[in-house]
Amino acid sequence: MIGDIISTALILFGALVALTASIGLVRFPDTLSRMHAATKPQTFGLLLILAGASIRLSGNVDVGMLILSGLFALITAPVVAHRLGRLVYREQRARDGLTNSDPEPETEQ
């Protein structure tokens, strides 16, 4: 009984966090802001939903798959966000003419 209440609360709160992340994707003006909304709250919402589902399915063999899904999301989301942020930053610098075409000066030792 208490497990069902906790499970329901986690799933609903995780869905609410994921909903706010999707609203942020639509409302934020630039790519870097959207990237923040797409990674941090979306991953947290997914983990809350998976935690609620694993409490509800306690004792089932599918809990292992839920744990693997959460780990995969935790591993891949920061890497994708970093690569996307780096690409956007470089493209914005190139568009604004801020890229340095000269080789970097050697440092004195």
Protein backbone atom coordinates (compact mmCIF):
# COMPACT_ATOMS: atom_id res chain seq x y z
CA MET A 1 0.00 0.00 0.00
CA ILE A 2 2.69 2.52 1.00
CA GLY A 3 4.88 1.33 -1.90
CA ASP A 4 2.09 2.12 -4.34
CA ILE A 5 1.75 5.65 -2.97
CA ILE A 6 5.51 6.28 -3.17
CA SER A 7 5.63 4.78 -6.66
CA THR A 8 2.75 6.93 -7.87
CA ALA A 9 4.29 10.07 -6.36
CA LEU A 10 7.66 9.40 -8.01
CA ILE A 11 6.09 8.72 -11.40
CA LEU A 12 3.89 11.82 -11.27
CA PHE A 13 6.72 14.07 -10.10
CA GLY A 14 9.05 12.64 -12.76
CA ALA A 15 6.42 13.26 -15.43
CA LEU A 16 6.00 16.83 -14.19
CA VAL A 17 9.76 17.45 -14.35
CA ALA A 18 9.89 15.98 -17.86
CA LEU A 19 6.97 18.20 -18.86
CA THR A 20 8.78 21.31 -17.65
CA ALA A 21 11.83 20.22 -19.65
CA SER A 22 9.75 19.90 -22.80
CA ILE A 23 8.21 23.33 -22.20
CA GLY A 24 11.74 24.70 -21.84
CA LEU A 25 12.69 23.18 -25.19
CA VAL A 26 9.89 25.10 -26.85
CA ARG A 27 10.27 28.39 -24.97
CA PHE A 28 14.03 28.96 -24.71
CA PRO A 29 15.49 31.17 -27.46
CA ASP A 30 18.88 29.67 -28.30
CA THR A 31 20.44 26.27 -28.67
CA LEU A 32 22.57 26.37 -25.54
CA SER A 33 19.55 27.14 -23.35
CA ARG A 34 17.55 24.42 -25.04
CA MET A 35 20.38 21.99 -24.55
CA HIS A 36 20.27 22.64 -20.80
CA ALA A 37 16.53 22.00 -20.73
CA ALA A 38 16.91 18.86 -22.79
CA THR A 39 19.54 17.20 -20.62
CA LYS A 40 19.32 18.02 -16.93
CA PRO A 41 15.61 18.01 -16.05
CA GLN A 42 14.76 15.44 -18.71
CA THR A 43 17.27 12.96 -17.28
CA PHE A 44 16.16 13.66 -13.71
CA GLY A 45 12.50 13.16 -14.68
CA LEU A 46 13.34 9.90 -16.42
CA LEU A 47 15.21 8.65 -13.35
CA LEU A 48 12.27 9.50 -11.10
CA ILE A 49 9.89 7.65 -13.39
CA LEU A 50 12.20 4.64 -13.52
CA ALA A 51 12.55 4.67 -9.71
CA GLY A 52 8.77 4.73 -9.31
CA ALA A 53 8.36 1.91 -11.81
CA SER A 54 11.03 -0.18 -10.10
CA ILE A 55 9.31 0.25 -6.73
CA ARG A 56 6.04 -0.82 -8.31
CA LEU A 57 7.69 -3.82 -10.00
CA SER A 58 9.78 -4.89 -6.99
CA GLY A 59 10.60 -8.55 -7.16
CA ASN A 60 10.16 -8.68 -10.95
CA VAL A 61 13.02 -9.44 -13.34
CA ASP A 62 12.27 -6.27 -15.31
CA VAL A 63 13.75 -4.09 -12.57
CA GLY A 64 17.21 -4.89 -13.91
CA MET A 65 16.27 -3.50 -17.30
CA LEU A 66 14.96 -0.32 -15.66
CA ILE A 67 18.27 0.11 -13.85
CA LEU A 68 20.20 -0.41 -17.09
CA SER A 69 17.99 2.14 -18.85
CA GLY A 70 18.69 4.71 -16.13
CA LEU A 71 22.43 4.07 -16.26
CA PHE A 72 22.45 4.39 -20.03
CA ALA A 73 20.65 7.73 -19.79
CA LEU A 74 23.11 8.96 -17.15
CA ILE A 75 26.09 7.96 -19.27
CA THR A 76 24.95 9.28 -22.64
CA ALA A 77 23.16 12.55 -21.79
CA PRO A 78 26.23 14.49 -20.56
CA VAL A 79 28.36 13.30 -23.49
CA VAL A 80 25.77 14.32 -26.07
CA ALA A 81 25.22 17.68 -24.35
CA HIS A 82 28.94 18.39 -24.29
CA ARG A 83 29.41 17.56 -27.96
CA LEU A 84 26.37 19.60 -28.98
CA GLY A 85 27.41 22.57 -26.85
CA ARG A 86 30.91 22.52 -28.29
CA LEU A 87 29.59 22.40 -31.84
CA VAL A 88 27.17 25.28 -31.27
CA TYR A 89 29.83 27.38 -29.56
CA ARG A 90 32.26 26.91 -32.45
CA GLU A 91 29.62 27.68 -35.06
CA GLN A 92 28.60 30.88 -33.26
CA ARG A 93 32.22 32.01 -33.03
CA ALA A 94 32.76 31.27 -36.72
CA ARG A 95 29.60 33.14 -37.70
CA ASP A 96 30.64 36.18 -35.65
CA GLY A 97 34.11 36.17 -37.20
CA LEU A 98 35.86 35.42 -33.91
CA THR A 99 37.75 32.37 -35.03
CA ASN A 100 41.50 32.68 -35.05
CA SER A 101 43.01 31.60 -38.35
CA ASP A 102 46.56 32.11 -37.05
CA PRO A 103 48.24 29.21 -35.34
CA GLU A 104 48.43 29.47 -31.58
CA PRO A 105 51.62 31.09 -30.27
CA GLU A 106 54.13 28.84 -28.63
CA THR A 107 54.35 29.15 -24.87
CA GLU A 108 57.66 30.08 -23.31
CA GLN A 109 59.18 27.63 -20.91
